[in-house]
Protein backbone atom coordinates (compact mmCIF):
# COMPACT_ATOMS: atom_id res chain seq x y z
CA MET A 1 7.02 14.23 16.22
CA GLY A 2 7.38 11.85 13.30
CA VAL A 3 5.43 9.05 14.98
CA ARG A 4 2.58 11.36 16.03
CA ALA A 5 2.30 12.81 12.54
CA GLU A 6 2.16 9.38 10.90
CA VAL A 7 -0.40 8.12 13.42
CA ARG A 8 -2.65 11.11 12.72
CA ARG A 9 -2.34 10.49 8.99
CA HIS A 10 -3.42 6.84 9.30
CA ARG A 11 -5.80 7.05 12.27
CA ASP A 12 -8.95 6.51 10.17
CA VAL A 13 -7.53 3.20 8.95
CA LEU A 14 -5.36 1.92 11.81
CA GLY A 15 -6.92 3.58 14.85
CA ASP A 16 -5.04 4.83 17.88
CA VAL A 17 -1.62 3.71 19.10
CA VAL A 18 -1.36 0.70 21.39
CA ALA A 19 2.45 0.53 21.71
CA VAL A 20 5.62 1.82 20.05
CA HIS A 21 8.74 -0.32 19.68
CA HIS A 22 12.07 1.24 18.74
CA ASP A 23 15.30 -0.52 17.76
CA ARG A 24 17.58 2.15 19.20
CA PRO A 25 21.25 2.16 18.20
CA SER A 26 23.57 0.86 20.90
CA ALA A 27 25.97 3.08 22.81
CA GLY A 28 28.79 1.44 20.85
CA THR A 29 27.20 2.53 17.58
CA ALA A 30 26.91 6.14 18.75
CA LEU A 31 30.52 6.05 19.96
CA GLY A 32 31.59 4.62 16.61
CA PHE A 33 30.00 7.58 14.78
CA VAL A 34 31.83 9.99 17.09
CA LEU A 35 35.18 8.24 16.62
CA VAL A 36 34.82 8.23 12.83
CA TRP A 37 34.03 11.94 12.90
CA VAL A 38 37.04 12.67 15.13
CA VAL A 39 39.39 10.68 12.89
CA MET A 40 38.06 12.19 9.65
CA SER A 41 38.15 15.69 11.15
CA GLY A 42 41.73 15.11 12.26
CA LEU A 43 42.71 14.14 8.75
CA THR A 44 41.26 17.38 7.38
CA PHE A 45 43.61 19.38 9.63
CA ILE A 46 46.70 17.76 8.14
CA PHE A 47 46.24 20.08 5.17
CA PRO A 48 44.04 22.87 6.58
CA GLY A 49 42.52 25.61 4.49
CA GLU A 50 44.04 29.03 4.18
CA THR A 51 41.54 30.59 6.58
CA LEU A 52 39.93 29.43 9.83
CA VAL A 53 36.59 29.02 8.08
CA LEU A 54 38.09 26.82 5.38
CA ALA A 55 39.93 24.82 8.05
CA ILE A 56 36.85 23.95 10.08
CA ALA A 57 34.33 23.71 7.22
CA PRO A 58 35.15 20.05 6.36
CA SER A 59 34.80 19.05 10.02
CA VAL A 60 31.43 20.77 10.31
CA GLY A 61 30.27 19.21 7.06
CA LEU A 62 31.29 15.73 8.21
CA PHE A 63 29.45 16.28 11.50
CA ILE A 64 26.24 17.23 9.71
CA ILE A 65 26.50 14.25 7.36
CA GLY A 66 27.08 11.92 10.32
CA VAL A 67 24.07 13.29 12.20
CA VAL A 68 21.83 12.89 9.15
CA ILE A 69 22.93 9.27 8.64
CA TYR A 70 22.49 8.48 12.33
CA VAL A 71 18.99 9.99 12.43
CA MET A 72 17.95 8.09 9.31
CA LEU A 73 19.22 4.78 10.71
CA ALA A 74 17.72 5.40 14.14
CA GLY A 75 14.26 6.27 12.83
CA GLU A 76 12.90 2.72 12.50
CA ARG A 77 9.71 2.05 14.48
CA LEU A 78 7.11 -0.65 14.93
CA VAL A 79 3.95 1.20 15.93
CA VAL A 80 1.22 -1.20 17.04
CA CYS A 81 -2.20 0.34 16.48
CA GLU A 82 -5.76 -0.79 17.12
CA ARG A 83 -6.37 -2.14 13.59
CA GLY A 84 -2.88 -2.60 12.16
CA VAL A 85 0.75 -1.57 12.39
CA LEU A 86 3.00 1.18 11.11
CA LEU A 87 6.41 -0.19 10.23
CA GLY A 88 9.50 1.61 8.96
CA SER A 89 11.36 4.85 9.42
CA VAL A 90 9.79 8.01 10.78
CA ALA A 91 12.94 10.04 10.09
CA PRO A 92 12.47 13.32 8.16
CA PHE A 93 11.39 12.85 4.53
CA LEU A 94 10.71 9.12 5.10
CA ARG A 95 7.38 7.36 5.67
CA PRO A 96 6.58 4.08 7.42
CA TYR A 97 4.33 1.47 5.83
CA ALA A 98 0.73 1.06 7.01
CA ILE A 99 -0.34 -2.60 7.25
CA ARG A 100 -3.80 -3.64 8.43
CA TYR A 101 -4.27 -6.83 10.42
CA ASP A 102 -6.28 -8.39 7.61
CA GLN A 103 -3.17 -8.02 5.40
CA ILE A 104 -1.01 -10.16 7.70
CA VAL A 105 -0.85 -13.91 7.14
CA VAL A 106 -2.24 -15.72 10.17
CA GLY A 107 0.44 -17.70 11.99
CA SER A 108 3.36 -15.82 10.46
CA VAL A 109 3.88 -13.26 13.26
CA VAL A 110 6.81 -14.50 15.34
CA PRO A 111 9.25 -12.90 17.81
CA ILE A 112 12.96 -13.34 17.13
CA SER A 113 14.97 -13.21 20.35
CA ALA A 114 18.53 -13.57 19.00
CA LYS A 115 20.69 -13.90 15.87
CA ILE A 116 18.34 -11.71 13.86
CA THR A 117 21.13 -10.72 11.46
CA ARG A 118 21.02 -14.29 10.13
CA TYR A 119 17.67 -13.45 8.53
CA GLY A 120 19.19 -12.62 5.17
CA LYS A 121 21.21 -15.82 5.02
CA GLN A 122 18.24 -17.90 6.14
CA THR A 123 15.71 -16.40 3.73
CA GLY A 124 17.79 -15.23 0.78
CA LEU A 125 16.60 -11.67 1.43
CA PRO A 126 19.67 -9.80 2.66
CA VAL A 127 18.59 -6.43 1.24
CA MET A 128 14.96 -5.53 0.76
CA THR A 129 12.55 -2.71 1.57
CA THR A 130 10.64 -5.00 3.92
CA VAL A 131 13.71 -5.96 5.99
CA ARG A 132 14.08 -3.13 8.52
CA ILE A 133 17.08 -4.02 10.67
CA SER A 134 20.58 -2.59 11.12
CA TRP A 135 23.93 -4.04 12.14
CA TRP A 136 23.16 -3.42 15.83
CA SER A 137 19.82 -5.26 15.75
CA LYS A 138 19.58 -8.28 18.03
CA ARG A 139 15.89 -9.06 18.18
CA GLY A 140 12.69 -8.22 16.36
CA VAL A 141 9.42 -9.33 14.77
CA SER A 142 8.88 -11.19 11.50
CA PHE A 143 5.62 -11.70 9.64
CA VAL A 144 4.33 -12.27 6.12
CA GLY A 145 2.20 -9.57 4.56
CA PRO A 146 1.61 -7.40 1.50
CA SER A 147 4.18 -5.99 -0.87
CA PRO A 148 5.52 -2.49 -0.11
CA ALA A 149 3.45 -1.12 -3.00
CA GLU A 150 0.31 -2.68 -1.56
CA ALA A 151 1.12 -1.37 1.91
CA ARG A 152 1.37 2.12 0.45
CA ARG A 153 -1.80 1.75 -1.63
CA SER A 154 -4.20 0.15 0.86
CA LEU A 155 -4.98 3.23 2.94
CA SER A 156 -8.74 2.73 2.99
CA ALA A 157 -10.33 0.84 5.86
CA THR A 158 -12.80 -0.68 3.39
CA ALA A 159 -10.23 -1.69 0.77
CA PRO A 160 -10.28 -5.38 -0.18
CA PRO A 161 -7.49 -7.68 1.03
CA PRO A 162 -4.34 -7.35 -1.08
CA GLN A 163 -3.73 -9.67 -4.00
CA ASP A 164 0.03 -9.90 -3.58
CA VAL A 165 0.36 -11.11 0.01
CA GLY A 166 3.40 -13.28 0.61
CA LEU A 167 6.39 -11.05 1.30
CA PRO A 168 8.27 -11.29 4.60
CA TRP A 169 8.57 -8.21 6.80
CA LEU A 170 11.15 -7.84 9.54
CA ILE A 171 11.57 -5.04 12.08
CA GLY A 172 14.06 -4.79 14.91
CA THR A 173 13.10 -4.09 18.55
CA ARG A 174 15.25 -3.01 21.46
CA ALA A 175 12.93 -4.60 24.03
CA PRO A 176 12.25 -8.36 24.01
CA ALA A 177 10.45 -9.15 20.78
CA GLU A 178 7.74 -11.14 22.56
CA GLN A 179 6.54 -7.86 24.09
CA ALA A 180 5.87 -6.55 20.60
CA THR A 181 4.06 -9.70 19.45
CA ALA A 182 2.00 -9.67 22.65
CA ASP A 183 0.95 -6.09 21.86
CA ILE A 184 0.00 -7.14 18.32
CA ALA A 185 -1.98 -10.11 19.65
CA ARG A 186 -3.95 -7.98 22.11
CA ALA A 187 -4.74 -5.33 19.51
CA ALA A 188 -5.74 -7.93 16.91
CA GLN A 189 -8.00 -9.66 19.45
CA ALA A 190 -9.72 -6.40 20.33
CA ALA A 191 -10.19 -5.65 16.62
CA GLY A 192 -11.87 -9.00 16.02
CA PHE A 193 -9.00 -10.89 14.35
CA THR A 194 -9.27 -13.80 16.74
CA GLU A 195 -7.20 -16.41 14.93
CA LEU A 196 -4.38 -13.98 14.15
CA ALA A 197 -4.37 -12.96 17.80
CA ARG A 198 -4.41 -16.53 19.08
CA GLN A 199 -1.54 -17.77 16.94
CA THR A 200 0.51 -14.62 17.50
CA ALA A 201 0.11 -14.86 21.27
CA ALA A 202 1.14 -18.53 21.20
CA ALA A 203 4.29 -17.98 19.10
CA PRO A 204 7.41 -18.57 21.21
CA PRO A 205 10.62 -16.56 20.67
CA ARG A 206 12.97 -17.91 17.98
CA VAL A 207 16.74 -17.89 17.73
CA LEU A 208 17.57 -17.90 14.02
CA SER A 209 19.86 -20.68 12.86
CA GLY A 210 20.77 -19.19 9.49
CA ASN A 211 19.68 -22.44 7.84
CA ALA A 212 16.78 -22.34 5.40
CA VAL A 213 15.60 -25.83 6.36
CA ASP A 214 14.48 -24.38 9.71
CA ASN A 215 12.17 -21.80 8.15
CA PRO A 216 8.91 -23.78 8.53
CA VAL A 217 9.42 -23.72 12.31
CA GLN A 218 11.38 -20.52 12.86
CA LEU A 219 9.84 -18.31 10.13
CA PRO A 220 6.47 -19.80 9.17
CA GLY A 221 5.12 -18.59 5.87
CA VAL A 222 8.42 -17.16 4.64
CA THR A 223 9.37 -18.51 1.22
CA VAL A 224 13.09 -18.91 0.59
CA LEU A 225 14.38 -17.36 -2.59
CA SER A 226 16.30 -19.82 -4.74
CA ARG A 227 20.04 -19.34 -4.86
CA ARG A 228 21.82 -19.94 -8.16
């Protein structure tokens, strides 16, 4: 429901959907949420309330909180459209970012096949709005594009290219990341962005080293933040 609503909202700018990629939580993550809820619920029964309602209320509250957190974390999507991508969470009350193909730096779209959690160490960007991965993420797509503010603002198909291009974006994928970059390449080619399509299609999967010196090859276009 969330994906369909966002696609309808941006259809005039991005066109129809080509493919949807979802970094679903692993079975271990879901089991971890259940175990935490069981343990926390058990602790609440050590000193139960005076009535049955008061005894079970903390357990129910913890369950609801856990479900909300899980849904928020599991809402991340990479929606490849005809003229751009939607990237971010489609969970309730959250909105993904709309990025047109002319806002993406040519040559910066690369698939990451393993060690994606090293991205923060390698780039100096451990926490940022544009880094959309979780602890279970193993693979994904990186590219350089507009700032989050620009991605929110540029909702017109005739808007000029952004002035503040240069920020790295990262989104996790459950399927092999090269499937996502292939979808982007095909859509970009059909939309007339030939060079973006060519370089994206030719980009081989990367395994991140965690070392910033490898960025020119592994994460082209990504500028490392200085560490002091």
